[in-house]
Amino acid sequence: MSTSKLKKLSASIESARALVAIVVIGNEPTNYSQEAVDNFYTAIEEAEKITAEESPEGKSVEDAQIMLQTAEETFRSTEVPLPEEQKTKIVQLIGTDSERTGSHSLHHGKIIINFKDGAAELSPELADKLIEDGYAE
């Protein structure tokens, strides 16, 4: 059996242990569930059993490497995602700085848009429509 494959597996195990050591267990964004951590630990331990054998077979080392890579991919996919931020666009009312000072309201169709010092944070679609219609820049 190739010692380089065994070294690669050992390095993968070390990397996996380092990864799982820094994760936070919980339900918040970027956290992992306890179940996901436990499953990943189980895969790491299975791979370690192969490296602990006196003369591991090449096929078993390769299988352990593949199993550990698959377990890591599965583990990473269980990370609690960040919430999708609603994308917005800031527009300025057309006019001079002195005309923009203070609070203003713009009635656009059935929508009332409030501006503070000439600026408003809007959905990209609405912002583009105001720009297209000549109310904002």
N, C-alpha and C. Protein backbone atom coordinates (compact mmCIF):
# COMPACT_ATOMS: atom_id res chain seq x y z
N MET A 1 0.82 -1.17 0.00
CA MET A 1 0.00 0.00 0.00
C MET A 1 0.87 1.24 0.00
N SER A 2 0.40 2.24 -0.67
CA SER A 2 1.14 3.49 -0.78
C SER A 2 1.04 4.29 0.52
N THR A 3 2.20 4.68 1.04
CA THR A 3 2.20 5.48 2.27
C THR A 3 1.68 6.89 1.99
N SER A 4 1.75 7.34 0.75
CA SER A 4 1.24 8.68 0.44
C SER A 4 -0.28 8.73 0.58
N LYS A 5 -0.96 7.64 0.23
CA LYS A 5 -2.43 7.60 0.41
C LYS A 5 -2.78 7.62 1.90
N LEU A 6 -2.00 6.91 2.70
CA LEU A 6 -2.23 6.89 4.14
C LEU A 6 -1.95 8.27 4.74
N LYS A 7 -0.91 8.94 4.26
CA LYS A 7 -0.60 10.29 4.73
C LYS A 7 -1.71 11.27 4.33
N LYS A 8 -2.24 11.09 3.13
CA LYS A 8 -3.32 11.95 2.66
C LYS A 8 -4.56 11.75 3.53
N LEU A 9 -4.88 10.51 3.86
CA LEU A 9 -6.01 10.23 4.73
C LEU A 9 -5.79 10.82 6.11
N SER A 10 -4.59 10.68 6.64
CA SER A 10 -4.29 11.24 7.96
C SER A 10 -4.43 12.76 7.95
N ALA A 11 -3.98 13.39 6.88
CA ALA A 11 -4.11 14.84 6.76
C ALA A 11 -5.58 15.25 6.65
N SER A 12 -6.37 14.46 5.94
CA SER A 12 -7.81 14.73 5.82
C SER A 12 -8.50 14.60 7.17
N ILE A 13 -8.09 13.61 7.94
CA ILE A 13 -8.66 13.42 9.28
C ILE A 13 -8.31 14.61 10.16
N GLU A 14 -7.07 15.02 10.11
CA GLU A 14 -6.63 16.17 10.91
C GLU A 14 -7.40 17.43 10.51
N SER A 15 -7.58 17.62 9.23
CA SER A 15 -8.33 18.78 8.72
C SER A 15 -9.79 18.72 9.17
N ALA A 16 -10.38 17.54 9.10
CA ALA A 16 -11.78 17.36 9.51
C ALA A 16 -11.94 17.64 11.00
N ARG A 17 -11.01 17.15 11.80
CA ARG A 17 -11.06 17.42 13.24
C ARG A 17 -10.93 18.91 13.54
N ALA A 18 -10.06 19.59 12.80
CA ALA A 18 -9.89 21.04 12.99
C ALA A 18 -11.17 21.78 12.61
N LEU A 19 -11.82 21.35 11.54
CA LEU A 19 -13.06 21.98 11.10
C LEU A 19 -14.15 21.81 12.15
N VAL A 20 -14.36 20.61 12.61
CA VAL A 20 -15.45 20.34 13.55
C VAL A 20 -15.17 20.98 14.91
N ALA A 21 -13.91 21.23 15.22
CA ALA A 21 -13.55 21.83 16.50
C ALA A 21 -13.95 23.31 16.58
N ILE A 22 -14.07 23.97 15.43
CA ILE A 22 -14.36 25.41 15.46
C ILE A 22 -15.81 25.76 15.18
N VAL A 23 -16.64 24.77 14.88
CA VAL A 23 -18.04 25.09 14.57
C VAL A 23 -18.81 25.39 15.84
N VAL A 24 -19.88 26.14 15.67
CA VAL A 24 -20.77 26.47 16.78
C VAL A 24 -22.06 25.67 16.58
N ILE A 25 -22.48 25.02 17.63
CA ILE A 25 -23.70 24.22 17.56
C ILE A 25 -24.87 25.12 17.97
N GLY A 26 -25.88 25.14 17.10
CA GLY A 26 -27.05 25.95 17.40
C GLY A 26 -27.92 26.14 16.18
N ASN A 27 -28.87 27.07 16.28
CA ASN A 27 -29.82 27.34 15.20
C ASN A 27 -29.58 28.67 14.52
N GLU A 28 -28.56 29.39 14.93
CA GLU A 28 -28.28 30.70 14.36
C GLU A 28 -27.53 30.53 13.03
N PRO A 29 -27.54 31.58 12.19
CA PRO A 29 -26.79 31.50 10.93
C PRO A 29 -25.33 31.13 11.18
N THR A 30 -24.79 30.30 10.33
CA THR A 30 -23.43 29.75 10.34
C THR A 30 -23.22 28.68 11.42
N ASN A 31 -24.26 28.31 12.17
CA ASN A 31 -24.17 27.24 13.16
C ASN A 31 -24.47 25.89 12.51
N TYR A 32 -24.20 24.83 13.27
CA TYR A 32 -24.48 23.47 12.83
C TYR A 32 -25.30 22.77 13.91
N SER A 33 -26.10 21.80 13.51
CA SER A 33 -26.88 21.04 14.49
C SER A 33 -25.98 20.04 15.19
N GLN A 34 -26.40 19.64 16.38
CA GLN A 34 -25.66 18.63 17.13
C GLN A 34 -25.61 17.32 16.35
N GLU A 35 -26.71 16.99 15.69
CA GLU A 35 -26.78 15.76 14.90
C GLU A 35 -25.74 15.78 13.77
N ALA A 36 -25.60 16.92 13.09
CA ALA A 36 -24.62 17.03 12.00
C ALA A 36 -23.20 16.86 12.52
N VAL A 37 -22.92 17.46 13.67
CA VAL A 37 -21.59 17.34 14.28
C VAL A 37 -21.33 15.88 14.68
N ASP A 38 -22.32 15.25 15.30
CA ASP A 38 -22.17 13.85 15.71
C ASP A 38 -21.92 12.93 14.51
N ASN A 39 -22.67 13.14 13.45
CA ASN A 39 -22.50 12.33 12.24
C ASN A 39 -21.11 12.51 11.64
N PHE A 40 -20.63 13.75 11.64
CA PHE A 40 -19.30 14.01 11.09
C PHE A 40 -18.22 13.38 11.97
N TYR A 41 -18.38 13.47 13.29
CA TYR A 41 -17.44 12.81 14.21
C TYR A 41 -17.41 11.31 13.96
N THR A 42 -18.56 10.71 13.72
CA THR A 42 -18.62 9.27 13.45
C THR A 42 -17.80 8.92 12.21
N ALA A 43 -17.93 9.73 11.17
CA ALA A 43 -17.16 9.49 9.94
C ALA A 43 -15.66 9.65 10.19
N ILE A 44 -15.29 10.64 10.99
CA ILE A 44 -13.88 10.85 11.32
C ILE A 44 -13.33 9.64 12.08
N GLU A 45 -14.11 9.16 13.03
CA GLU A 45 -13.68 8.00 13.82
C GLU A 45 -13.54 6.75 12.96
N GLU A 46 -14.45 6.58 12.01
CA GLU A 46 -14.35 5.43 11.09
C GLU A 46 -13.06 5.52 10.26
N ALA A 47 -12.75 6.70 9.79
CA ALA A 47 -11.52 6.88 9.01
C ALA A 47 -10.29 6.64 9.89
N GLU A 48 -10.35 7.08 11.14
CA GLU A 48 -9.22 6.87 12.06
C GLU A 48 -8.97 5.38 12.31
N LYS A 49 -10.02 4.57 12.31
CA LYS A 49 -9.86 3.12 12.51
C LYS A 49 -8.98 2.54 11.41
N ILE A 50 -9.14 3.04 10.19
CA ILE A 50 -8.34 2.54 9.06
C ILE A 50 -6.87 2.91 9.26
N THR A 51 -6.61 4.15 9.69
CA THR A 51 -5.21 4.57 9.88
C THR A 51 -4.56 3.85 11.07
N ALA A 52 -5.38 3.36 12.01
CA ALA A 52 -4.84 2.68 13.18
C ALA A 52 -4.48 1.22 12.90
N GLU A 53 -4.96 0.69 11.78
CA GLU A 53 -4.63 -0.70 11.42
C GLU A 53 -3.13 -0.82 11.18
N GLU A 54 -2.60 -1.99 11.49
CA GLU A 54 -1.16 -2.20 11.34
C GLU A 54 -0.73 -2.12 9.88
N SER A 55 -1.47 -2.74 8.99
CA SER A 55 -1.16 -2.72 7.56
C SER A 55 -2.46 -2.52 6.79
N PRO A 56 -2.97 -1.29 6.74
CA PRO A 56 -4.24 -1.09 6.04
C PRO A 56 -4.08 -1.36 4.54
N GLU A 57 -5.11 -1.94 3.96
CA GLU A 57 -5.08 -2.22 2.53
C GLU A 57 -5.31 -0.92 1.76
N GLY A 58 -4.75 -0.84 0.58
CA GLY A 58 -4.89 0.35 -0.25
C GLY A 58 -6.33 0.71 -0.55
N LYS A 59 -7.13 -0.31 -0.82
CA LYS A 59 -8.54 -0.09 -1.15
C LYS A 59 -9.29 0.48 0.05
N SER A 60 -9.01 -0.02 1.23
CA SER A 60 -9.71 0.47 2.42
C SER A 60 -9.31 1.91 2.73
N VAL A 61 -8.07 2.28 2.46
CA VAL A 61 -7.61 3.66 2.66
C VAL A 61 -8.31 4.57 1.66
N GLU A 62 -8.38 4.14 0.42
CA GLU A 62 -9.07 4.94 -0.61
C GLU A 62 -10.55 5.10 -0.27
N ASP A 63 -11.18 4.01 0.15
CA ASP A 63 -12.60 4.07 0.53
C ASP A 63 -12.81 5.01 1.72
N ALA A 64 -11.91 4.95 2.69
CA ALA A 64 -12.02 5.82 3.86
C ALA A 64 -11.85 7.29 3.45
N GLN A 65 -10.96 7.54 2.53
CA GLN A 65 -10.74 8.91 2.03
C GLN A 65 -12.00 9.44 1.36
N ILE A 66 -12.60 8.62 0.51
CA ILE A 66 -13.83 9.01 -0.19
C ILE A 66 -14.97 9.21 0.81
N MET A 67 -15.08 8.30 1.76
CA MET A 67 -16.13 8.39 2.78
C MET A 67 -15.99 9.68 3.59
N LEU A 68 -14.76 10.02 3.96
CA LEU A 68 -14.52 11.22 4.76
C LEU A 68 -14.81 12.48 3.95
N GLN A 69 -14.43 12.48 2.68
CA GLN A 69 -14.73 13.64 1.83
C GLN A 69 -16.24 13.82 1.68
N THR A 70 -16.94 12.75 1.46
CA THR A 70 -18.40 12.80 1.33
C THR A 70 -19.04 13.28 2.63
N ALA A 71 -18.53 12.79 3.75
CA ALA A 71 -19.06 13.21 5.06
C ALA A 71 -18.82 14.69 5.29
N GLU A 72 -17.67 15.19 4.87
CA GLU A 72 -17.39 16.63 5.04
C GLU A 72 -18.31 17.46 4.17
N GLU A 73 -18.51 17.05 2.92
CA GLU A 73 -19.42 17.77 2.03
C GLU A 73 -20.83 17.79 2.62
N THR A 74 -21.28 16.66 3.12
CA THR A 74 -22.60 16.58 3.73
C THR A 74 -22.66 17.48 4.96
N PHE A 75 -21.63 17.42 5.78
CA PHE A 75 -21.58 18.26 6.98
C PHE A 75 -21.65 19.74 6.63
N ARG A 76 -20.83 20.17 5.69
CA ARG A 76 -20.82 21.59 5.30
C ARG A 76 -22.18 22.04 4.76
N SER A 77 -22.89 21.14 4.12
CA SER A 77 -24.19 21.50 3.55
C SER A 77 -25.26 21.70 4.63
N THR A 78 -24.98 21.27 5.86
CA THR A 78 -25.97 21.41 6.93
C THR A 78 -25.81 22.73 7.70
N GLU A 79 -24.87 23.56 7.30
CA GLU A 79 -24.69 24.84 7.99
C GLU A 79 -25.96 25.67 7.88
N VAL A 80 -26.37 26.27 8.99
CA VAL A 80 -27.55 27.13 8.98
C VAL A 80 -27.20 28.35 8.12
N PRO A 81 -27.97 28.58 7.06
CA PRO A 81 -27.61 29.66 6.13
C PRO A 81 -27.88 31.05 6.69
N LEU A 82 -27.16 32.02 6.15
CA LEU A 82 -27.42 33.41 6.47
C LEU A 82 -28.75 33.80 5.84
N PRO A 83 -29.51 34.67 6.48
CA PRO A 83 -30.77 35.09 5.88
C PRO A 83 -30.50 35.90 4.61
N GLU A 84 -31.37 35.70 3.66
CA GLU A 84 -31.21 36.47 2.43
C GLU A 84 -31.60 37.91 2.71
N GLU A 85 -30.69 38.79 2.42
CA GLU A 85 -30.98 40.20 2.64
C GLU A 85 -31.81 40.72 1.48
N GLN A 86 -32.77 41.54 1.82
CA GLN A 86 -33.57 42.14 0.77
C GLN A 86 -32.71 43.22 0.13
N LYS A 87 -32.51 43.12 -1.13
CA LYS A 87 -31.67 44.08 -1.82
C LYS A 87 -32.46 45.37 -2.03
N THR A 88 -31.81 46.47 -1.73
CA THR A 88 -32.44 47.77 -1.88
C THR A 88 -31.53 48.70 -2.65
N LYS A 89 -32.10 49.80 -3.07
CA LYS A 89 -31.37 50.78 -3.83
C LYS A 89 -31.72 52.15 -3.25
N ILE A 90 -30.74 52.99 -3.05
CA ILE A 90 -30.98 54.34 -2.53
C ILE A 90 -31.05 55.30 -3.70
N VAL A 91 -32.11 56.10 -3.72
CA VAL A 91 -32.28 57.11 -4.78
C VAL A 91 -32.38 58.49 -4.14
N GLN A 92 -32.04 59.50 -4.92
CA GLN A 92 -32.11 60.91 -4.51
C GLN A 92 -33.15 61.61 -5.35
N LEU A 93 -33.96 62.41 -4.69
CA LEU A 93 -34.91 63.25 -5.44
C LEU A 93 -34.12 64.20 -6.34
N ILE A 94 -34.67 64.48 -7.48
CA ILE A 94 -34.03 65.46 -8.37
C ILE A 94 -34.29 66.84 -7.79
N GLY A 95 -33.27 67.66 -7.74
CA GLY A 95 -33.38 69.01 -7.21
C GLY A 95 -32.07 69.42 -6.56
N THR A 96 -32.05 70.65 -6.07
CA THR A 96 -30.84 71.15 -5.41
C THR A 96 -30.80 70.63 -3.98
N ASP A 97 -29.64 70.76 -3.35
CA ASP A 97 -29.50 70.30 -1.97
C ASP A 97 -30.49 71.00 -1.04
N SER A 98 -30.69 72.29 -1.24
CA SER A 98 -31.62 73.01 -0.38
C SER A 98 -33.06 72.54 -0.60
N GLU A 99 -33.39 72.11 -1.79
CA GLU A 99 -34.74 71.61 -2.06
C GLU A 99 -34.96 70.21 -1.47
N ARG A 100 -33.88 69.50 -1.24
CA ARG A 100 -33.97 68.13 -0.71
C ARG A 100 -33.98 68.09 0.81
N THR A 101 -33.63 69.17 1.48
CA THR A 101 -33.50 69.18 2.93
C THR A 101 -34.86 68.92 3.59
N GLY A 102 -34.85 68.06 4.61
CA GLY A 102 -36.07 67.77 5.35
C GLY A 102 -36.76 66.53 4.83
N SER A 103 -38.01 66.38 5.27
CA SER A 103 -38.80 65.22 4.87
C SER A 103 -39.71 65.59 3.71
N HIS A 104 -39.85 64.67 2.77
CA HIS A 104 -40.71 64.86 1.62
C HIS A 104 -41.46 63.57 1.33
N SER A 105 -42.63 63.71 0.74
CA SER A 105 -43.41 62.56 0.30
C SER A 105 -43.67 62.69 -1.18
N LEU A 106 -43.60 61.57 -1.87
CA LEU A 106 -43.88 61.54 -3.30
C LEU A 106 -45.00 60.54 -3.53
N HIS A 107 -46.06 60.99 -4.18
CA HIS A 107 -47.18 60.12 -4.52
C HIS A 107 -46.92 59.61 -5.93
N HIS A 108 -46.71 58.31 -6.04
CA HIS A 108 -46.39 57.71 -7.33
C HIS A 108 -47.37 56.56 -7.55
N GLY A 109 -48.37 56.82 -8.39
CA GLY A 109 -49.43 55.82 -8.57
C GLY A 109 -50.17 55.66 -7.26
N LYS A 110 -50.26 54.44 -6.76
CA LYS A 110 -50.94 54.17 -5.49
C LYS A 110 -49.96 54.12 -4.31
N ILE A 111 -48.72 54.48 -4.56
CA ILE A 111 -47.68 54.37 -3.54
C ILE A 111 -47.27 55.76 -3.06
N ILE A 112 -47.06 55.88 -1.76
CA ILE A 112 -46.52 57.11 -1.18
C ILE A 112 -45.11 56.77 -0.69
N ILE A 113 -44.14 57.52 -1.19
CA ILE A 113 -42.74 57.25 -0.86
C ILE A 113 -42.23 58.42 -0.02
N ASN A 114 -41.67 58.13 1.13
CA ASN A 114 -41.12 59.15 2.02
C ASN A 114 -39.62 59.27 1.81
N PHE A 115 -39.17 60.51 1.68
CA PHE A 115 -37.76 60.82 1.50
C PHE A 115 -37.27 61.60 2.71
N LYS A 116 -36.08 61.33 3.17
CA LYS A 116 -35.43 62.08 4.24
C LYS A 116 -34.20 62.74 3.63
N ASP A 117 -34.19 64.06 3.65
CA ASP A 117 -33.11 64.84 3.03
C ASP A 117 -32.88 64.39 1.59
N GLY A 118 -33.96 64.11 0.91
CA GLY A 118 -33.92 63.79 -0.51
C GLY A 118 -33.60 62.35 -0.84
N ALA A 119 -33.37 61.51 0.17
CA ALA A 119 -32.98 60.12 -0.09
C ALA A 119 -34.04 59.15 0.40
N ALA A 120 -34.18 58.05 -0.33
CA ALA A 120 -35.07 56.96 0.08
C ALA A 120 -34.45 55.64 -0.33
N GLU A 121 -34.61 54.64 0.52
CA GLU A 121 -34.12 53.29 0.24
C GLU A 121 -35.31 52.47 -0.23
N LEU A 122 -35.25 52.03 -1.49
CA LEU A 122 -36.40 51.38 -2.12
C LEU A 122 -35.99 50.07 -2.76
N SER A 123 -37.00 49.31 -3.16
CA SER A 123 -36.71 48.10 -3.93
C SER A 123 -36.07 48.54 -5.26
N PRO A 124 -35.23 47.72 -5.82
CA PRO A 124 -34.59 48.11 -7.09
C PRO A 124 -35.61 48.42 -8.18
N GLU A 125 -36.72 47.68 -8.20
CA GLU A 125 -37.72 47.91 -9.24
C GLU A 125 -38.35 49.28 -9.11
N LEU A 126 -38.74 49.64 -7.88
CA LEU A 126 -39.36 50.94 -7.65
C LEU A 126 -38.36 52.06 -7.87
N ALA A 127 -37.14 51.87 -7.41
CA ALA A 127 -36.10 52.88 -7.61
C ALA A 127 -35.87 53.13 -9.10
N ASP A 128 -35.78 52.07 -9.88
CA ASP A 128 -35.58 52.22 -11.33
C ASP A 128 -36.76 52.92 -11.98
N LYS A 129 -37.97 52.63 -11.51
CA LYS A 129 -39.17 53.26 -12.07
C LYS A 129 -39.16 54.76 -11.78
N LEU A 130 -38.78 55.17 -10.56
CA LEU A 130 -38.70 56.60 -10.23
C LEU A 130 -37.65 57.31 -11.07
N ILE A 131 -36.54 56.65 -11.29
CA ILE A 131 -35.48 57.23 -12.13
C ILE A 131 -35.99 57.36 -13.56
N GLU A 132 -36.60 56.31 -14.07
CA GLU A 132 -37.15 56.30 -15.44
C GLU A 132 -38.20 57.40 -15.61
N ASP A 133 -39.03 57.62 -14.59
CA ASP A 133 -40.10 58.61 -14.68
C ASP A 133 -39.60 60.04 -14.39
N GLY A 134 -38.32 60.19 -14.04
CA GLY A 134 -37.75 61.52 -13.87
C GLY A 134 -37.91 62.12 -12.48
N TYR A 135 -38.25 61.33 -11.48
CA TYR A 135 -38.41 61.86 -10.13
C TYR A 135 -37.12 61.76 -9.30
N ALA A 136 -36.28 60.85 -9.63
CA ALA A 136 -35.09 60.59 -8.81
C ALA A 136 -33.89 60.32 -9.71
N GLU A 137 -32.76 60.34 -9.05
CA GLU A 137 -31.50 60.02 -9.75
C GLU A 137 -30.69 59.05 -8.92
